Amino acid sequence: MFCGVGDYSARLAAALREAGADLQVLTTRRPDTLAGDPAWVRREMPSWTQGALPQLRAALNGFKPDVVHVQYPTQGYHYATAPALLMLMARALQKFVVVSTWHEYPPDALTKGKFCQAALALISRAIIVVRPEYPPRVRGVLAAALGDTPIRFIPNASVVPRVTLTEGERTALRRQLCGTDRQLVAFFGFAYPNKGVEQIFDIADPARHHLVLIGNLTHSDPYHVRLRKLADSDRWRGRVTITGFVDQQIAARYLAVSDAVVFPFLSGGGHWNSSLHAAMTQGTFVIATSTARVGYDPGENVYYAVPGAVPDMAAALREYAGIRAASGGFRADPWMDIAQSHLDVYRTCLAAT
């Protein structure tokens, strides 16, 4: 499904099974999902609202898991509080150990999402987070619900594979995207207003760059329409490629042939962003905004800029585009380490029962 947390969950589940876990994935039932799933992927949930409790209980009774691991939030839940209420009801009716992964920092305000996290905290034996320095952000009602439940930071990783292209393959793909006389500047991921994608049209230079937006832009989303208008403006017309949704192998190839990948997130990003990992994994130069780091890191081949610093990012693009990181700096599969860290959390929770 079109969800970054879904991509993360897919990679994690595969790595856990490879590490020896007997695991099933319970996810949403949709008519447009692809055929060919492995038997352990169960697309059985009609929704994640309270009305789906019978389906959840049937799945739990059939598999009898030692641990139920909830990923939060995802696009598939639709309703902010629904998955927590569903899990609360299921947990009251039958006993199982709950572990939750929180992919976002808790909101400051008392939103429905914060109450959902509080409900998950009440029933979870452990909380896994993919963002650093999480405990200081847990305050108020969330801190009260969490109590002494441990928070474990397990970093994210790329959800797309690393690819190795021959020079001929690289030249052919670049010619297909932008010809041979321009540098290729990419954005990868879901286009939301908080991603600041519109800034790329000012960071890059139409006289020397071709933009490739790797992702889906609909004709109904107002923000997507705005980006399409920028792409079709007099300044950029003919110099922008919008790929639409592509599979992971193709996305990896586009990232690998780019001269730079730009992530101008309005509030700053970090290593919890799987799209940032995806670009870094290919060795491509990356520009990313950050509230904690500034300047070029040659080891990562990443230039960190203050959010909104468009002139600074434009200057970095002129200076560093085309530089590639040394291949020796990348591990083959960090997901196995991530899987082992999760198994450690599961074992600790089960030992405490």
Protein backbone atom coordinates (compact mmCIF):
# COMPACT_ATOMS: atom_id res chain seq x y z
CA MET A 1 0.00 0.00 0.00
CA PHE A 2 1.10 3.61 -0.53
CA CYS A 3 2.48 4.25 2.96
CA GLY A 4 5.99 4.86 4.24
CA VAL A 5 5.25 3.03 7.49
CA GLY A 6 3.86 0.20 5.39
CA ASP A 7 7.16 -0.03 3.50
CA TYR A 8 9.02 -0.02 6.82
CA SER A 9 6.74 -2.75 8.20
CA ALA A 10 7.26 -4.90 5.12
CA ARG A 11 11.05 -4.74 5.41
CA LEU A 12 10.92 -5.37 9.17
CA ALA A 13 8.58 -8.36 8.81
CA ALA A 14 10.77 -9.97 6.14
CA ALA A 15 13.89 -9.45 8.26
CA LEU A 16 12.22 -10.87 11.38
CA ARG A 17 11.18 -14.00 9.51
CA GLU A 18 14.69 -14.36 8.12
CA ALA A 19 15.96 -14.10 11.69
CA GLY A 20 13.74 -17.02 12.69
CA ALA A 21 10.55 -15.42 14.00
CA ASP A 22 7.24 -17.13 13.32
CA LEU A 23 5.41 -14.02 12.19
CA GLN A 24 2.22 -13.01 10.43
CA VAL A 25 1.23 -9.57 9.15
CA LEU A 26 -2.38 -8.54 9.65
CA THR A 27 -3.28 -5.66 7.36
CA THR A 28 -6.17 -4.01 5.56
CA ARG A 29 -8.30 -5.83 3.00
CA ARG A 30 -8.45 -3.83 -0.24
CA PRO A 31 -9.54 -4.79 -3.75
CA ASP A 32 -6.60 -3.08 -5.48
CA THR A 33 -3.74 -4.79 -3.63
CA LEU A 34 -1.38 -6.93 -5.65
CA ALA A 35 -1.67 -10.71 -5.86
CA GLY A 36 1.17 -13.01 -4.96
CA ASP A 37 1.51 -12.25 -1.24
CA PRO A 38 3.28 -14.87 0.87
CA ALA A 39 0.94 -16.91 3.06
CA TRP A 40 2.03 -15.03 6.19
CA VAL A 41 0.62 -11.72 4.86
CA ARG A 42 -3.06 -11.69 5.81
CA ARG A 43 -5.13 -8.93 4.21
CA GLU A 44 -8.19 -9.59 6.33
CA MET A 45 -9.10 -6.39 8.17
CA PRO A 46 -12.07 -4.55 6.60
CA SER A 47 -11.08 -1.47 8.63
CA TRP A 48 -9.33 -0.53 11.88
CA THR A 49 -12.47 0.74 13.62
CA GLN A 50 -14.28 -0.88 16.53
CA GLY A 51 -16.59 -2.68 14.08
CA ALA A 52 -13.66 -4.83 12.92
CA LEU A 53 -13.23 -6.42 16.37
CA PRO A 54 -14.60 -9.83 15.24
CA GLN A 55 -12.04 -10.05 12.44
CA LEU A 56 -9.21 -9.06 14.77
CA ARG A 57 -10.24 -11.59 17.40
CA ALA A 58 -10.56 -14.34 14.78
CA ALA A 59 -7.06 -13.60 13.49
CA LEU A 60 -5.62 -13.64 17.02
CA ASN A 61 -7.42 -16.86 17.94
CA GLY A 62 -6.17 -18.53 14.77
CA PHE A 63 -2.52 -17.57 15.15
CA LYS A 64 -2.25 -17.22 18.96
CA PRO A 65 0.71 -14.83 18.87
CA ASP A 66 3.05 -14.30 21.81
CA VAL A 67 3.42 -10.63 20.82
CA VAL A 68 1.10 -8.30 18.93
CA HIS A 69 3.17 -5.45 17.49
CA VAL A 70 1.27 -2.30 16.50
CA GLN A 71 2.74 0.24 14.07
CA TYR A 72 1.42 3.79 14.61
CA PRO A 73 0.47 5.91 12.76
CA THR A 74 -0.16 4.73 9.22
CA GLN A 75 -2.31 6.01 6.38
CA GLY A 76 -4.41 2.84 6.48
CA TYR A 77 -5.96 3.52 9.88
CA HIS A 78 -7.89 6.60 8.63
CA TYR A 79 -9.20 7.43 12.10
CA ALA A 80 -6.70 8.65 14.68
CA THR A 81 -8.16 6.86 17.71
CA ALA A 82 -9.63 3.76 16.06
CA PRO A 83 -6.64 1.37 16.23
CA ALA A 84 -6.06 2.09 19.93
CA LEU A 85 -9.71 1.52 20.82
CA LEU A 86 -9.72 -1.66 18.75
CA MET A 87 -6.62 -2.97 20.52
CA LEU A 88 -8.01 -2.00 23.94
CA MET A 89 -11.16 -4.02 23.32
CA ALA A 90 -9.25 -7.01 21.96
CA ARG A 91 -6.80 -6.89 24.88
CA ALA A 92 -9.68 -6.86 27.37
CA LEU A 93 -11.18 -9.98 25.82
CA GLN A 94 -8.03 -12.07 25.40
CA LYS A 95 -4.54 -11.81 26.80
CA PHE A 96 -1.47 -11.08 24.68
CA VAL A 97 1.67 -8.97 24.98
CA VAL A 98 1.49 -5.67 23.08
CA VAL A 99 4.50 -3.80 21.71
CA SER A 100 3.96 -0.49 19.89
CA THR A 101 6.20 1.38 17.47
CA TRP A 102 5.65 5.13 17.28
CA HIS A 103 6.88 6.67 14.04
CA GLU A 104 6.13 10.30 14.90
CA TYR A 105 6.94 12.55 17.84
CA PRO A 106 3.86 13.11 20.03
CA PRO A 107 1.98 16.32 19.23
CA ASP A 108 2.19 19.11 21.79
CA ALA A 109 -1.55 19.67 21.81
CA LEU A 110 -4.13 17.21 23.16
CA THR A 111 -5.09 15.86 19.75
CA LYS A 112 -6.85 12.58 18.99
CA GLY A 113 -3.49 11.20 17.92
CA LYS A 114 -2.01 11.92 21.35
CA PHE A 115 -4.91 10.19 23.08
CA CYS A 116 -4.38 7.23 20.75
CA GLN A 117 -0.74 7.05 21.79
CA ALA A 118 -1.81 7.27 25.44
CA ALA A 119 -4.21 4.36 24.96
CA LEU A 120 -1.50 2.30 23.29
CA ALA A 121 0.87 3.21 26.12
CA LEU A 122 -1.59 1.80 28.68
CA ILE A 123 -1.56 -1.66 27.10
CA SER A 124 2.01 -1.84 25.73
CA ARG A 125 4.84 -3.67 27.50
CA ALA A 126 7.39 -1.66 25.50
CA ILE A 127 7.43 1.26 23.11
CA ILE A 128 9.81 1.26 20.13
CA VAL A 129 10.59 4.61 18.52
CA VAL A 130 12.46 5.38 15.30
CA ARG A 131 13.20 9.01 16.22
CA PRO A 132 15.99 9.97 18.64
CA GLU A 133 15.63 11.85 21.93
CA TYR A 134 12.03 10.73 22.34
CA PRO A 135 11.59 10.49 26.17
CA PRO A 136 11.91 14.27 26.85
CA ARG A 137 8.95 14.80 24.51
CA VAL A 138 6.69 12.51 26.54
CA ARG A 139 4.76 14.80 28.86
CA GLY A 140 1.35 15.27 30.47
CA VAL A 141 -1.33 12.69 29.78
CA LEU A 142 1.04 10.62 27.65
CA ALA A 143 3.65 10.43 30.41
CA ALA A 144 0.95 9.43 32.93
CA ALA A 145 -0.29 6.65 30.62
CA LEU A 146 3.24 5.45 29.88
CA GLY A 147 4.35 5.19 33.50
CA ASP A 148 7.55 3.14 33.66
CA THR A 149 7.00 1.38 30.33
CA PRO A 150 10.40 1.32 28.60
CA ILE A 151 11.04 3.30 25.40
CA ARG A 152 13.57 1.68 23.06
CA PHE A 153 15.13 3.64 20.19
CA ILE A 154 15.77 1.42 17.16
CA PRO A 155 16.89 3.46 14.13
CA ASN A 156 15.22 3.27 10.76
CA ALA A 157 16.89 2.23 7.50
CA SER A 158 16.28 2.39 3.78
CA VAL A 159 13.15 0.70 2.48
CA VAL A 160 14.56 0.48 -1.04
CA PRO A 161 17.46 -1.78 -2.04
CA ARG A 162 20.90 -0.53 -2.98
CA VAL A 163 21.54 -0.94 -6.70
CA THR A 164 24.76 -1.13 -8.68
CA LEU A 165 24.57 0.19 -12.25
CA THR A 166 27.06 -0.14 -15.05
CA GLU A 167 28.16 3.06 -16.74
CA GLY A 168 26.08 2.08 -19.76
CA GLU A 169 22.96 1.56 -17.64
CA ARG A 170 23.55 4.85 -15.87
CA THR A 171 23.95 6.75 -19.15
CA ALA A 172 20.87 5.15 -20.71
CA LEU A 173 18.65 5.93 -17.71
CA ARG A 174 19.89 9.52 -17.46
CA ARG A 175 19.28 10.02 -21.18
CA GLN A 176 15.74 8.73 -20.68
CA LEU A 177 15.09 11.16 -17.81
CA CYS A 178 16.94 14.33 -18.70
CA GLY A 179 19.31 13.89 -21.62
CA THR A 180 23.05 14.29 -21.20
CA ASP A 181 23.53 18.04 -20.78
CA ARG A 182 21.82 18.61 -17.41
CA GLN A 183 22.28 17.57 -13.82
CA LEU A 184 19.47 15.48 -12.40
CA VAL A 185 17.94 16.67 -9.10
CA ALA A 186 15.42 14.39 -7.39
CA PHE A 187 12.84 14.33 -4.63
CA PHE A 188 11.64 10.96 -3.36
CA GLY A 189 8.62 10.15 -1.23
CA PHE A 190 5.09 11.27 -0.48
CA ALA A 191 4.47 14.91 -1.33
CA TYR A 192 2.88 16.64 1.65
CA PRO A 193 2.98 20.36 2.48
CA ASN A 194 5.30 19.72 5.44
CA LYS A 195 7.86 18.22 3.04
CA GLY A 196 8.46 21.64 1.41
CA VAL A 197 8.64 20.09 -2.07
CA GLU A 198 7.74 23.41 -3.72
CA GLN A 199 11.07 24.85 -2.52
CA ILE A 200 12.95 22.54 -4.88
CA PHE A 201 11.73 24.66 -7.79
CA ASP A 202 13.68 27.58 -6.28
CA ILE A 203 16.66 25.56 -5.01
CA ALA A 204 17.35 24.09 -8.45
CA ASP A 205 18.15 26.09 -11.59
CA PRO A 206 16.16 25.35 -14.78
CA ALA A 207 19.15 26.48 -16.85
CA ARG A 208 21.29 23.61 -15.58
CA HIS A 209 19.03 21.10 -13.80
CA HIS A 210 16.25 18.65 -14.60
CA LEU A 211 13.91 17.75 -11.74
CA VAL A 212 12.54 14.27 -11.16
CA LEU A 213 9.80 13.90 -8.54
CA ILE A 214 9.79 10.21 -7.62
CA GLY A 215 6.31 9.65 -6.31
CA ASN A 216 2.65 10.06 -7.07
CA LEU A 217 1.01 13.45 -7.64
CA THR A 218 -2.75 13.26 -7.97
CA HIS A 219 -5.02 15.74 -9.76
CA SER A 220 -7.35 16.02 -6.74
CA ASP A 221 -4.97 16.98 -3.93
CA PRO A 222 -4.60 20.82 -3.80
CA TYR A 223 -0.93 20.59 -2.85
CA HIS A 224 -0.22 18.16 -5.69
CA VAL A 225 -2.02 20.48 -8.10
CA ARG A 226 0.20 23.32 -6.91
CA LEU A 227 3.33 21.25 -7.60
CA ARG A 228 2.06 20.29 -11.04
CA LYS A 229 1.49 23.96 -11.86
CA LEU A 230 5.07 24.76 -10.85
CA ALA A 231 6.31 21.92 -13.05
CA ASP A 232 4.31 23.29 -15.98
CA SER A 233 5.29 26.93 -15.43
CA ASP A 234 7.17 28.83 -18.13
CA ARG A 235 10.31 28.56 -16.02
CA TRP A 236 10.25 24.76 -15.63
CA ARG A 237 8.13 23.37 -18.46
CA GLY A 238 9.89 20.43 -20.12
CA ARG A 239 12.46 20.20 -17.35
CA VAL A 240 10.47 18.17 -14.80
CA THR A 241 9.64 14.46 -14.75
CA ILE A 242 6.87 13.22 -12.42
CA THR A 243 7.29 9.44 -12.24
CA GLY A 244 4.08 8.47 -10.48
CA PHE A 245 4.18 5.54 -8.08
CA VAL A 246 7.06 3.18 -8.95
CA ASP A 247 8.28 -0.01 -7.32
CA GLN A 248 11.30 -0.05 -5.06
CA GLN A 249 13.78 -1.28 -7.67
CA ILE A 250 12.91 1.50 -10.10
CA ALA A 251 12.94 4.13 -7.33
CA ALA A 252 16.40 2.93 -6.33
CA ARG A 253 17.65 3.24 -9.90
CA TYR A 254 16.32 6.80 -10.22
CA LEU A 255 18.02 7.76 -6.96
CA ALA A 256 21.26 6.09 -8.03
CA VAL A 257 21.55 8.09 -11.28
CA SER A 258 20.62 11.43 -9.73
CA ASP A 259 23.28 14.06 -9.10
CA ALA A 260 21.48 15.23 -5.97
CA VAL A 261 18.41 14.36 -3.91
CA VAL A 262 16.79 17.24 -2.02
CA PHE A 263 14.59 16.99 1.09
CA PRO A 264 13.63 20.56 2.15
CA PHE A 265 11.39 19.45 5.05
CA LEU A 266 9.84 22.52 6.66
CA SER A 267 10.46 21.35 10.24
CA GLY A 268 13.71 19.55 9.53
CA GLY A 269 14.33 15.88 8.95
CA GLY A 270 16.71 13.27 10.25
CA HIS A 271 17.76 9.66 10.03
CA TRP A 272 14.24 8.54 10.91
CA ASN A 273 13.22 9.53 7.37
CA SER A 274 13.36 6.35 5.30
CA SER A 275 13.47 8.42 2.10
CA LEU A 276 16.70 10.05 3.31
CA HIS A 277 18.16 6.60 3.96
CA ALA A 278 17.06 5.47 0.49
CA ALA A 279 19.05 8.25 -1.18
CA MET A 280 22.09 7.84 1.07
CA THR A 281 22.14 4.09 0.41
CA GLN A 282 22.76 4.77 -3.29
CA GLY A 283 25.75 7.00 -2.48
CA THR A 284 24.06 10.01 -4.08
CA PHE A 285 24.66 13.51 -2.73
CA VAL A 286 21.77 14.62 -0.50
CA ILE A 287 20.56 18.00 0.73
CA ALA A 288 18.37 17.77 3.83
CA THR A 289 17.08 20.28 6.34
CA SER A 290 17.83 19.76 10.01
CA THR A 291 17.28 21.54 13.30
CA ALA A 292 20.34 19.87 14.81
CA ARG A 293 23.06 19.87 12.14
CA VAL A 294 24.43 22.40 9.63
CA GLY A 295 26.91 22.02 6.80
CA TYR A 296 28.39 19.29 4.64
CA ASP A 297 29.20 15.88 6.13
CA PRO A 298 31.64 14.19 3.71
CA GLY A 299 31.24 10.80 5.39
CA GLU A 300 27.49 10.79 4.77
CA ASN A 301 27.70 12.91 1.60
CA VAL A 302 24.86 15.00 3.01
CA TYR A 303 24.57 18.76 3.28
CA TYR A 304 22.41 19.83 6.23
CA ALA A 305 20.67 23.20 6.03
CA VAL A 306 18.40 25.18 8.30
CA PRO A 307 14.74 24.67 7.31
CA GLY A 308 13.67 27.31 4.81
CA ALA A 309 17.25 28.33 3.90
CA VAL A 310 16.63 28.17 0.15
CA PRO A 311 19.70 30.25 -0.92
CA ASP A 312 21.96 28.07 1.24
CA MET A 313 20.55 24.88 -0.28
CA ALA A 314 20.89 26.33 -3.78
CA ALA A 315 24.55 27.13 -3.10
CA ALA A 316 25.16 23.62 -1.76
CA LEU A 317 23.55 22.14 -4.85
CA ARG A 318 25.91 24.12 -7.09
CA GLU A 319 28.95 23.08 -5.05
CA TYR A 320 28.36 19.40 -4.28
CA ALA A 321 25.96 17.99 -6.90
CA GLY A 322 27.43 14.96 -8.61
CA ILE A 323 29.69 13.90 -5.72
CA ARG A 324 29.23 10.26 -4.83
CA ALA A 325 29.97 8.62 -1.49
CA ALA A 326 32.53 5.86 -1.27
CA SER A 327 30.85 2.47 -1.62
CA GLY A 328 32.67 1.04 1.37
CA GLY A 329 30.57 3.06 3.76
CA PHE A 330 27.38 1.03 3.29
CA ARG A 331 26.43 -2.15 5.08
CA ALA A 332 24.75 -4.81 2.99
CA ASP A 333 21.61 -5.18 5.11
CA PRO A 334 21.08 -3.10 8.27
CA TRP A 335 17.61 -4.66 8.57
CA MET A 336 19.05 -7.81 10.14
CA ASP A 337 20.47 -5.72 12.99
CA ILE A 338 17.11 -3.97 13.29
CA ALA A 339 15.32 -7.34 13.42
CA GLN A 340 17.63 -8.63 16.15
CA SER A 341 16.99 -5.49 18.20
CA HIS A 342 13.26 -6.11 17.91
CA LEU A 343 13.65 -9.75 18.95
CA ASP A 344 15.54 -8.57 22.05
CA VAL A 345 12.58 -6.32 22.95
CA TYR A 346 10.10 -9.18 22.41
CA ARG A 347 12.13 -11.59 24.57
CA THR A 348 12.41 -9.04 27.38
CA CYS A 349 8.66 -8.42 27.35
CA LEU A 350 7.83 -12.14 27.35
CA ALA A 351 10.31 -12.84 30.14
CA ALA A 352 8.49 -10.30 32.29
CA THR A 353 5.07 -11.97 31.91
